[in-house]
PDB file of N, CA and C in Angstrom:
ATOM      1  N   MET A   1      19.319 -27.397  30.223  1.00  0.00           N
ATOM      2  CA  MET A   1      18.665 -26.176  29.966  1.00  0.00           C
ATOM      3  C   MET A   1      17.598 -26.357  28.930  1.00  0.00           C
ATOM      4  N   PRO A   2      16.346 -25.801  29.165  1.00  0.00           N
ATOM      5  CA  PRO A   2      15.304 -26.047  28.213  1.00  0.00           C
ATOM      6  C   PRO A   2      15.603 -25.166  26.864  1.00  0.00           C
ATOM      7  N   ASN A   3      15.118 -25.700  25.829  1.00  0.00           N
ATOM      8  CA  ASN A   3      15.238 -24.888  24.528  1.00  0.00           C
ATOM      9  C   ASN A   3      14.201 -23.794  24.494  1.00  0.00           C
ATOM     10  N   THR A   4      14.671 -22.560  24.343  1.00  0.00           N
ATOM     11  CA  THR A   4      13.846 -21.470  24.393  1.00  0.00           C
ATOM     12  C   THR A   4      13.695 -20.812  22.979  1.00  0.00           C
ATOM     13  N   ALA A   5      14.078 -21.566  22.014  1.00  0.00           N
ATOM     14  CA  ALA A   5      14.025 -21.080  20.545  1.00  0.00           C
ATOM     15  C   ALA A   5      12.466 -21.101  20.227  1.00  0.00           C
ATOM     16  N   PRO A   6      12.016 -20.091  19.475  1.00  0.00           N
ATOM     17  CA  PRO A   6      10.580 -20.098  19.000  1.00  0.00           C
ATOM     18  C   PRO A   6      10.301 -21.249  18.110  1.00  0.00           C
ATOM     19  N   ILE A   7       9.135 -21.706  18.150  1.00  0.00           N
ATOM     20  CA  ILE A   7       8.653 -22.899  17.293  1.00  0.00           C
ATOM     21  C   ILE A   7       7.905 -22.219  16.143  1.00  0.00           C
ATOM     22  N   GLY A   8       8.258 -22.565  15.018  1.00  0.00           N
ATOM     23  CA  GLY A   8       7.493 -22.018  13.773  1.00  0.00           C
ATOM     24  C   GLY A   8       7.797 -20.583  13.569  1.00  0.00           C
ATOM     25  N   PRO A   9       6.851 -19.998  12.715  1.00  0.00           N
ATOM     26  CA  PRO A   9       7.056 -18.528  12.376  1.00  0.00           C
ATOM     27  C   PRO A   9       6.890 -17.688  13.587  1.00  0.00           C
ATOM     28  N   THR A  10       7.596 -16.593  13.519  1.00  0.00           N
ATOM     29  CA  THR A  10       7.373 -15.581  14.574  1.00  0.00           C
ATOM     30  C   THR A  10       6.867 -14.208  13.970  1.00  0.00           C
ATOM     31  N   ILE A  11       6.353 -13.499  14.881  1.00  0.00           N
ATOM     32  CA  ILE A  11       5.765 -12.152  14.456  1.00  0.00           C
ATOM     33  C   ILE A  11       6.629 -11.109  15.084  1.00  0.00           C
ATOM     34  N   ASN A  12       7.232 -10.228  14.369  1.00  0.00           N
ATOM     35  CA  ASN A  12       8.068  -9.087  14.954  1.00  0.00           C
ATOM     36  C   ASN A  12       7.350  -7.870  15.022  1.00  0.00           C
ATOM     37  N   ARG A  13       7.443  -7.070  16.195  1.00  0.00           N
ATOM     38  CA  ARG A  13       6.803  -5.851  16.282  1.00  0.00           C
ATOM     39  C   ARG A  13       7.685  -4.835  15.453  1.00  0.00           C
ATOM     40  N   ARG A  14       7.147  -3.602  15.312  1.00  0.00           N
ATOM     41  CA  ARG A  14       7.660  -2.670  14.459  1.00  0.00           C
ATOM     42  C   ARG A  14       9.148  -2.307  14.825  1.00  0.00           C
ATOM     43  N   PRO A  15       9.493  -2.139  16.181  1.00  0.00           N
ATOM     44  CA  PRO A  15      10.939  -1.734  16.479  1.00  0.00           C
ATOM     45  C   PRO A  15      12.031  -2.941  15.922  1.00  0.00           C
ATOM     46  N   ALA A  16      11.570  -4.131  16.072  1.00  0.00           N
ATOM     47  CA  ALA A  16      12.348  -5.154  15.549  1.00  0.00           C
ATOM     48  C   ALA A  16      12.509  -5.213  14.049  1.00  0.00           C
ATOM     49  N   VAL A  17      11.370  -4.808  13.349  1.00  0.00           N
ATOM     50  CA  VAL A  17      11.329  -4.653  11.761  1.00  0.00           C
ATOM     51  C   VAL A  17      12.219  -3.554  11.397  1.00  0.00           C
ATOM     52  N   THR A  18      12.112  -2.420  12.100  1.00  0.00           N
ATOM     53  CA  THR A  18      12.892  -1.255  11.754  1.00  0.00           C
ATOM     54  C   THR A  18      14.320  -1.459  11.952  1.00  0.00           C
ATOM     55  N   ALA A  19      14.677  -2.240  12.986  1.00  0.00           N
ATOM     56  CA  ALA A  19      16.152  -2.607  13.335  1.00  0.00           C
ATOM     57  C   ALA A  19      16.611  -3.521  12.215  1.00  0.00           C
ATOM     58  N   ALA A  20      15.790  -4.577  11.854  1.00  0.00           N
ATOM     59  CA  ALA A  20      16.198  -5.570  10.885  1.00  0.00           C
ATOM     60  C   ALA A  20      16.358  -4.996   9.590  1.00  0.00           C
ATOM     61  N   THR A  21      15.526  -4.080   9.046  1.00  0.00           N
ATOM     62  CA  THR A  21      15.520  -3.514   7.680  1.00  0.00           C
ATOM     63  C   THR A  21      16.379  -2.249   7.569  1.00  0.00           C
ATOM     64  N   GLY A  22      16.535  -1.516   8.725  1.00  0.00           N
ATOM     65  CA  GLY A  22      17.237  -0.240   8.639  1.00  0.00           C
ATOM     66  C   GLY A  22      16.214   0.988   8.261  1.00  0.00           C
ATOM     67  N   TYR A  23      15.086   0.622   8.003  1.00  0.00           N
ATOM     68  CA  TYR A  23      14.085   1.624   7.656  1.00  0.00           C
ATOM     69  C   TYR A  23      13.478   2.332   8.946  1.00  0.00           C
ATOM     70  N   PRO A  24      13.483   3.628   9.076  1.00  0.00           N
ATOM     71  CA  PRO A  24      12.752   4.207  10.120  1.00  0.00           C
ATOM     72  C   PRO A  24      11.232   3.959   9.853  1.00  0.00           C
ATOM     73  N   ARG A  25      10.510   4.285  10.947  1.00  0.00           N
ATOM     74  CA  ARG A  25       9.046   4.078  10.961  1.00  0.00           C
ATOM     75  C   ARG A  25       8.398   4.649   9.694  1.00  0.00           C
ATOM     76  N   SER A  26       8.686   5.950   9.467  1.00  0.00           N
ATOM     77  CA  SER A  26       7.932   6.647   8.331  1.00  0.00           C
ATOM     78  C   SER A  26       8.310   5.946   7.058  1.00  0.00           C
ATOM     79  N   THR A  27       9.583   5.523   6.724  1.00  0.00           N
ATOM     80  CA  THR A  27       9.978   4.848   5.552  1.00  0.00           C
ATOM     81  C   THR A  27       9.209   3.502   5.407  1.00  0.00           C
ATOM     82  N   LEU A  28       9.180   2.881   6.549  1.00  0.00           N
ATOM     83  CA  LEU A  28       8.457   1.417   6.554  1.00  0.00           C
ATOM     84  C   LEU A  28       7.020   1.614   6.022  1.00  0.00           C
ATOM     85  N   TYR A  29       6.353   2.564   6.680  1.00  0.00           N
ATOM     86  CA  TYR A  29       4.969   2.778   6.236  1.00  0.00           C
ATOM     87  C   TYR A  29       4.776   3.293   4.873  1.00  0.00           C
ATOM     88  N   LYS A  30       5.713   4.137   4.329  1.00  0.00           N
ATOM     89  CA  LYS A  30       5.758   4.605   3.021  1.00  0.00           C
ATOM     90  C   LYS A  30       5.971   3.386   1.950  1.00  0.00           C
ATOM     91  N   LYS A  31       6.826   2.484   2.390  1.00  0.00           N
ATOM     92  CA  LYS A  31       7.029   1.302   1.553  1.00  0.00           C
ATOM     93  C   LYS A  31       5.875   0.380   1.502  1.00  0.00           C
ATOM     94  N   ILE A  32       5.164   0.327   2.593  1.00  0.00           N
ATOM     95  CA  ILE A  32       3.929  -0.380   2.658  1.00  0.00           C
ATOM     96  C   ILE A  32       2.871   0.135   1.671  1.00  0.00           C
ATOM     97  N   GLU A  33       2.746   1.470   1.705  1.00  0.00           N
ATOM     98  CA  GLU A  33       1.963   2.164   0.884  1.00  0.00           C
ATOM     99  C   GLU A  33       2.213   2.103  -0.640  1.00  0.00           C
ATOM    100  N   ASP A  34       3.493   1.971  -0.982  1.00  0.00           N
ATOM    101  CA  ASP A  34       3.945   1.891  -2.270  1.00  0.00           C
ATOM    102  C   ASP A  34       4.013   0.360  -2.704  1.00  0.00           C
ATOM    103  N   GLY A  35       3.602  -0.523  -1.951  1.00  0.00           N
ATOM    104  CA  GLY A  35       3.586  -1.939  -2.202  1.00  0.00           C
ATOM    105  C   GLY A  35       4.809  -2.663  -2.165  1.00  0.00           C
ATOM    106  N   LEU A  36       5.807  -2.123  -1.524  1.00  0.00           N
ATOM    107  CA  LEU A  36       7.213  -2.554  -1.544  1.00  0.00           C
ATOM    108  C   LEU A  36       7.515  -3.307  -0.139  1.00  0.00           C
ATOM    109  N   PHE A  37       6.556  -3.360   0.718  1.00  0.00           N
ATOM    110  CA  PHE A  37       6.695  -4.031   2.057  1.00  0.00           C
ATOM    111  C   PHE A  37       5.220  -4.609   2.420  1.00  0.00           C
ATOM    112  N   THR A  38       5.275  -5.704   3.060  1.00  0.00           N
ATOM    113  CA  THR A  38       3.892  -6.367   3.549  1.00  0.00           C
ATOM    114  C   THR A  38       3.218  -5.509   4.506  1.00  0.00           C
ATOM    115  N   ARG A  39       1.862  -5.538   4.529  1.00  0.00           N
ATOM    116  CA  ARG A  39       1.171  -4.938   5.499  1.00  0.00           C
ATOM    117  C   ARG A  39       1.302  -5.642   6.865  1.00  0.00           C
ATOM    118  N   PRO A  40       1.098  -5.064   7.930  1.00  0.00           N
ATOM    119  CA  PRO A  40       1.283  -5.704   9.245  1.00  0.00           C
ATOM    120  C   PRO A  40       0.045  -6.554   9.505  1.00  0.00           C
ATOM    121  N   VAL A  41       0.263  -7.464  10.388  1.00  0.00           N
ATOM    122  CA  VAL A  41      -0.804  -8.341  10.850  1.00  0.00           C
ATOM    123  C   VAL A  41      -1.227  -7.676  12.244  1.00  0.00           C
ATOM    124  N   LYS A  42      -2.613  -7.674  12.331  1.00  0.00           N
ATOM    125  CA  LYS A  42      -3.134  -7.252  13.611  1.00  0.00           C
ATOM    126  C   LYS A  42      -3.027  -8.250  14.685  1.00  0.00           C
ATOM    127  N   LEU A  43      -2.454  -7.802  15.853  1.00  0.00           N
ATOM    128  CA  LEU A  43      -2.337  -8.625  16.956  1.00  0.00           C
ATOM    129  C   LEU A  43      -3.267  -8.418  18.026  1.00  0.00           C
ATOM    130  N   GLY A  44      -3.975  -7.196  18.109  1.00  0.00           N
ATOM    131  CA  GLY A  44      -4.824  -6.830  19.063  1.00  0.00           C
ATOM    132  C   GLY A  44      -5.398  -5.414  18.607  1.00  0.00           C
ATOM    133  N   ALA A  45      -6.104  -4.809  19.568  1.00  0.00           N
ATOM    134  CA  ALA A  45      -6.778  -3.517  19.269  1.00  0.00           C
ATOM    135  C   ALA A  45      -5.747  -2.412  18.818  1.00  0.00           C
ATOM    136  N   ARG A  46      -4.611  -2.427  19.462  1.00  0.00           N
ATOM    137  CA  ARG A  46      -3.550  -1.453  19.137  1.00  0.00           C
ATOM    138  C   ARG A  46      -2.241  -2.049  18.983  1.00  0.00           C
ATOM    139  N   ALA A  47      -2.184  -3.151  18.467  1.00  0.00           N
ATOM    140  CA  ALA A  47      -0.810  -3.845  18.253  1.00  0.00           C
ATOM    141  C   ALA A  47      -0.854  -4.557  16.861  1.00  0.00           C
ATOM    142  N   VAL A  48       0.338  -4.317  16.222  1.00  0.00           N
ATOM    143  CA  VAL A  48       0.604  -5.045  14.921  1.00  0.00           C
ATOM    144  C   VAL A  48       1.928  -5.481  14.846  1.00  0.00           C
ATOM    145  N   GLY A  49       2.156  -6.431  13.999  1.00  0.00           N
ATOM    146  CA  GLY A  49       3.533  -7.061  13.778  1.00  0.00           C
ATOM    147  C   GLY A  49       3.621  -7.583  12.444  1.00  0.00           C
ATOM    148  N   TRP A  50       4.875  -8.098  12.081  1.00  0.00           N
ATOM    149  CA  TRP A  50       5.129  -8.621  10.625  1.00  0.00           C
ATOM    150  C   TRP A  50       5.687 -10.004  10.894  1.00  0.00           C
ATOM    151  N   PRO A  51       5.235 -10.996  10.099  1.00  0.00           N
ATOM    152  CA  PRO A  51       5.851 -12.334  10.072  1.00  0.00           C
ATOM    153  C   PRO A  51       7.354 -12.195   9.787  1.00  0.00           C
ATOM    154  N   SER A  52       8.135 -12.884  10.541  1.00  0.00           N
ATOM    155  CA  SER A  52       9.624 -12.724  10.383  1.00  0.00           C
ATOM    156  C   SER A  52      10.032 -13.271   9.057  1.00  0.00           C
ATOM    157  N   HIS A  53       9.310 -14.303   8.554  1.00  0.00           N
ATOM    158  CA  HIS A  53       9.805 -14.803   7.192  1.00  0.00           C
ATOM    159  C   HIS A  53       9.490 -13.874   6.129  1.00  0.00           C
ATOM    160  N   GLU A  54       8.507 -12.997   6.139  1.00  0.00           N
ATOM    161  CA  GLU A  54       8.216 -11.992   5.186  1.00  0.00           C
ATOM    162  C   GLU A  54       9.322 -10.901   5.103  1.00  0.00           C
ATOM    163  N   THR A  55       9.665 -10.485   6.441  1.00  0.00           N
ATOM    164  CA  THR A  55      10.720  -9.498   6.432  1.00  0.00           C
ATOM    165  C   THR A  55      11.983  -9.980   5.878  1.00  0.00           C
ATOM    166  N   ALA A  56      12.335 -11.206   6.234  1.00  0.00           N
ATOM    167  CA  ALA A  56      13.493 -11.855   5.692  1.00  0.00           C
ATOM    168  C   ALA A  56      13.588 -11.975   4.189  1.00  0.00           C
ATOM    169  N   ALA A  57      12.437 -12.340   3.635  1.00  0.00           N
ATOM    170  CA  ALA A  57      12.198 -12.558   2.233  1.00  0.00           C
ATOM    171  C   ALA A  57      12.436 -11.251   1.482  1.00  0.00           C
ATOM    172  N   ILE A  58      11.835 -10.214   2.001  1.00  0.00           N
ATOM    173  CA  ILE A  58      11.920  -8.963   1.377  1.00  0.00           C
ATOM    174  C   ILE A  58      13.312  -8.435   1.444  1.00  0.00           C
ATOM    175  N   SER A  59      14.047  -8.567   2.566  1.00  0.00           N
ATOM    176  CA  SER A  59      15.373  -8.121   2.716  1.00  0.00           C
ATOM    177  C   SER A  59      16.303  -8.891   1.795  1.00  0.00           C
ATOM    178  N   ALA A  60      16.112 -10.166   1.679  1.00  0.00           N
ATOM    179  CA  ALA A  60      16.912 -11.041   0.751  1.00  0.00           C
ATOM    180  C   ALA A  60      16.752 -10.621  -0.656  1.00  0.00           C
ATOM    181  N   ALA A  61      15.595 -10.146  -1.052  1.00  0.00           N
ATOM    182  CA  ALA A  61      15.239  -9.681  -2.319  1.00  0.00           C
ATOM    183  C   ALA A  61      15.988  -8.427  -2.629  1.00  0.00           C
ATOM    184  N   ARG A  62      16.009  -7.500  -1.659  1.00  0.00           N
ATOM    185  CA  ARG A  62      16.782  -6.261  -1.775  1.00  0.00           C
ATOM    186  C   ARG A  62      18.268  -6.500  -1.961  1.00  0.00           C
ATOM    187  N   ILE A  63      18.749  -7.388  -1.173  1.00  0.00           N
ATOM    188  CA  ILE A  63      20.255  -7.736  -1.151  1.00  0.00           C
ATOM    189  C   ILE A  63      20.607  -8.294  -2.454  1.00  0.00           C
ATOM    190  N   ALA A  64      19.758  -9.157  -3.039  1.00  0.00           N
ATOM    191  CA  ALA A  64      19.950  -9.777  -4.343  1.00  0.00           C
ATOM    192  C   ALA A  64      19.856  -8.797  -5.518  1.00  0.00           C
ATOM    193  N   GLY A  65      19.322  -7.540  -5.202  1.00  0.00           N
ATOM    194  CA  GLY A  65      19.321  -6.610  -6.245  1.00  0.00           C
ATOM    195  C   GLY A  65      18.023  -6.711  -7.074  1.00  0.00           C
ATOM    196  N   HIS A  66      17.017  -7.204  -6.517  1.00  0.00           N
ATOM    197  CA  HIS A  66      15.783  -7.255  -7.201  1.00  0.00           C
ATOM    198  C   HIS A  66      15.193  -5.814  -7.610  1.00  0.00           C
ATOM    199  N   THR A  67      14.447  -5.656  -8.567  1.00  0.00           N
ATOM    200  CA  THR A  67      13.914  -4.386  -8.889  1.00  0.00           C
ATOM    201  C   THR A  67      12.668  -4.133  -8.051  1.00  0.00           C
ATOM    202  N   GLU A  68      12.207  -2.885  -7.976  1.00  0.00           N
ATOM    203  CA  GLU A  68      10.916  -2.610  -7.296  1.00  0.00           C
ATOM    204  C   GLU A  68       9.743  -3.466  -7.808  1.00  0.00           C
ATOM    205  N   VAL A  69       9.699  -3.568  -9.121  1.00  0.00           N
ATOM    206  CA  VAL A  69       8.626  -4.414  -9.767  1.00  0.00           C
ATOM    207  C   VAL A  69       8.646  -5.852  -9.141  1.00  0.00           C
ATOM    208  N   GLU A  70       9.834  -6.409  -9.135  1.00  0.00           N
ATOM    209  CA  GLU A  70       9.967  -7.822  -8.656  1.00  0.00           C
ATOM    210  C   GLU A  70       9.646  -7.781  -7.131  1.00  0.00           C
ATOM    211  N   ILE A  71      10.025  -6.744  -6.406  1.00  0.00           N
ATOM    212  CA  ILE A  71       9.716  -6.844  -4.972  1.00  0.00           C
ATOM    213  C   ILE A  71       8.163  -6.582  -4.750  1.00  0.00           C
ATOM    214  N   ARG A  72       7.548  -5.805  -5.567  1.00  0.00           N
ATOM    215  CA  ARG A  72       6.076  -5.669  -5.488  1.00  0.00           C
ATOM    216  C   ARG A  72       5.420  -7.064  -5.680  1.00  0.00           C
ATOM    217  N   ALA A  73       5.904  -7.704  -6.784  1.00  0.00           N
ATOM    218  CA  ALA A  73       5.365  -9.071  -6.983  1.00  0.00           C
ATOM    219  C   ALA A  73       5.542 -10.026  -5.836  1.00  0.00           C
ATOM    220  N   LEU A  74       6.816  -9.984  -5.168  1.00  0.00           N
ATOM    221  CA  LEU A  74       7.018 -10.755  -4.035  1.00  0.00           C
ATOM    222  C   LEU A  74       5.980 -10.415  -2.856  1.00  0.00           C
ATOM    223  N   VAL A  75       5.850  -9.148  -2.772  1.00  0.00           N
ATOM    224  CA  VAL A  75       4.866  -8.718  -1.540  1.00  0.00           C
ATOM    225  C   VAL A  75       3.437  -9.198  -1.840  1.00  0.00           C
ATOM    226  N   LYS A  76       2.983  -9.198  -3.209  1.00  0.00           N
ATOM    227  CA  LYS A  76       1.776  -9.811  -3.557  1.00  0.00           C
ATOM    228  C   LYS A  76       1.689 -11.188  -3.157  1.00  0.00           C
ATOM    229  N   THR A  77       2.735 -11.929  -3.493  1.00  0.00           N
ATOM    230  CA  THR A  77       2.834 -13.401  -3.343  1.00  0.00           C
ATOM    231  C   THR A  77       2.813 -13.666  -1.673  1.00  0.00           C
ATOM    232  N   LEU A  78       3.511 -12.815  -1.043  1.00  0.00           N
ATOM    233  CA  LEU A  78       3.447 -13.076   0.474  1.00  0.00           C
ATOM    234  C   LEU A  78       2.145 -12.825   1.054  1.00  0.00           C
ATOM    235  N   HIS A  79       1.355 -11.772   0.538  1.00  0.00           N
ATOM    236  CA  HIS A  79       0.095 -11.515   1.031  1.00  0.00           C
ATOM    237  C   HIS A  79      -0.940 -12.674   0.617  1.00  0.00           C
ATOM    238  N   ALA A  80      -0.762 -13.083  -0.645  1.00  0.00           N
ATOM    239  CA  ALA A  80      -1.487 -14.324  -1.046  1.00  0.00           C
ATOM    240  C   ALA A  80      -1.338 -15.570  -0.229  1.00  0.00           C
ATOM    241  N   ASN A  81      -0.049 -15.758   0.162  1.00  0.00           N
ATOM    242  CA  ASN A  81       0.222 -16.953   1.066  1.00  0.00           C
ATOM    243  C   ASN A  81      -0.389 -16.772   2.414  1.00  0.00           C
ATOM    244  N   ARG A  82      -0.602 -15.575   2.966  1.00  0.00           N
ATOM    245  CA  ARG A  82      -1.260 -15.409   4.242  1.00  0.00           C
ATOM    246  C   ARG A  82      -2.722 -15.967   4.121  1.00  0.00           C
ATOM    247  N   ARG A  83      -3.323 -15.585   3.019  1.00  0.00           N
ATOM    248  CA  ARG A  83      -4.707 -15.996   2.868  1.00  0.00           C
ATOM    249  C   ARG A  83      -4.876 -17.437   2.689  1.00  0.00           C
ATOM    250  N   LYS A  84      -3.830 -18.072   2.041  1.00  0.00           N
ATOM    251  CA  LYS A  84      -3.923 -19.569   1.898  1.00  0.00           C
ATOM    252  C   LYS A  84      -3.691 -20.239   3.326  1.00  0.00           C
ATOM    253  N   ALA A  85      -2.933 -19.724   4.160  1.00  0.00           N
ATOM    254  CA  ALA A  85      -2.594 -20.178   5.527  1.00  0.00           C
ATOM    255  C   ALA A  85      -3.834 -20.192   6.403  1.00  0.00           C
ATOM    256  N   THR A  86      -4.914 -19.452   6.175  1.00  0.00           N
ATOM    257  CA  THR A  86      -6.023 -19.362   6.976  1.00  0.00           C
ATOM    258  C   THR A  86      -7.215 -20.321   6.569  1.00  0.00           C
TER     259      THR A  86
END
Protein backbone atom coordinates (compact mmCIF):
# COMPACT_ATOMS: atom_id res chain seq x y z
CA MET A 1 0.00 0.00 0.00
CA PRO A 2 1.53 3.39 -0.96
CA ASN A 3 2.24 5.96 1.73
CA THR A 4 -0.41 8.69 1.44
CA ALA A 5 0.85 10.84 4.34
CA PRO A 6 1.55 14.45 3.37
CA ILE A 7 5.18 15.38 2.88
CA GLY A 8 6.30 18.52 4.69
CA PRO A 9 4.02 21.25 5.96
CA THR A 10 0.38 21.21 4.99
CA ILE A 11 -2.10 24.02 4.54
CA ASN A 12 -5.52 23.63 6.12
CA ARG A 13 -8.62 25.34 4.82
CA ARG A 14 -10.89 27.26 7.21
CA PRO A 15 -13.27 24.39 8.07
CA ALA A 16 -10.30 22.30 9.24
CA VAL A 17 -8.90 25.22 11.25
CA THR A 18 -12.24 25.93 12.92
CA ALA A 19 -12.58 22.23 13.73
CA ALA A 20 -9.04 22.05 15.15
CA THR A 21 -9.34 25.20 17.27
CA GLY A 22 -13.01 25.12 18.16
CA TYR A 23 -13.34 28.73 17.00
CA PRO A 24 -16.28 29.53 14.74
CA ARG A 25 -15.52 31.55 11.60
CA SER A 26 -16.32 34.93 13.16
CA THR A 27 -14.14 34.26 16.22
CA LEU A 28 -11.25 33.08 14.07
CA TYR A 29 -11.28 36.31 12.04
CA LYS A 30 -11.66 38.40 15.22
CA LYS A 31 -8.59 36.70 16.67
CA ILE A 32 -6.69 37.47 13.45
CA GLU A 33 -7.76 41.12 13.74
CA ASP A 34 -6.61 41.17 17.38
CA GLY A 35 -3.22 39.63 16.52
CA LEU A 36 -4.02 36.38 18.33
CA PHE A 37 -4.01 34.14 15.25
CA THR A 38 -1.99 34.14 12.04
CA ARG A 39 -3.32 35.64 8.83
CA PRO A 40 -4.28 33.15 6.16
CA VAL A 41 -2.12 32.33 3.16
CA LYS A 42 -3.64 33.05 -0.25
CA LEU A 43 -4.05 29.89 -2.28
CA GLY A 44 -5.86 31.42 -5.20
CA ALA A 45 -8.24 34.20 -6.16
CA ARG A 46 -10.90 33.04 -3.69
CA ALA A 47 -9.13 30.51 -1.50
CA VAL A 48 -7.07 30.83 1.67
CA GLY A 49 -5.62 28.44 4.22
CA TRP A 50 -3.38 28.27 7.27
CA PRO A 51 -0.13 26.33 7.63
CA SER A 52 -0.89 23.41 9.95
CA HIS A 53 2.22 23.98 12.06
CA GLU A 54 1.07 27.54 12.86
CA THR A 55 -2.36 26.35 13.99
CA ALA A 56 -0.69 23.67 16.12
CA ALA A 57 1.75 26.15 17.68
CA ILE A 58 -1.01 28.59 18.64
CA SER A 59 -3.16 25.78 20.06
CA ALA A 60 -0.20 24.47 22.08
CA ALA A 61 0.42 27.96 23.47
CA ARG A 62 -3.23 28.25 24.52
CA ILE A 63 -3.14 24.82 26.15
CA ALA A 64 0.07 25.78 27.98
CA GLY A 65 -1.72 28.81 29.40
CA HIS A 66 0.24 31.50 27.61
CA THR A 67 -1.07 35.04 27.95
CA GLU A 68 -2.47 37.03 25.05
CA VAL A 69 0.73 39.10 25.04
CA GLU A 70 2.78 35.91 24.63
CA ILE A 71 0.47 34.61 21.90
CA ARG A 72 0.71 37.91 20.00
CA ALA A 73 4.51 37.57 20.14
CA LEU A 74 4.20 34.00 18.85
CA VAL A 75 1.97 35.14 15.98
CA LYS A 76 4.53 37.84 15.05
CA THR A 77 7.29 35.22 15.08
CA LEU A 78 5.25 32.87 12.90
CA HIS A 79 4.60 35.68 10.39
CA ALA A 80 8.30 36.59 10.39
CA ASN A 81 9.21 32.96 9.73
CA ARG A 82 6.94 32.97 6.67
CA ARG A 83 8.94 35.82 5.21
CA LYS A 84 12.22 34.00 5.90
CA ALA A 85 10.95 30.91 4.07
CA THR A 86 10.45 32.78 0.81
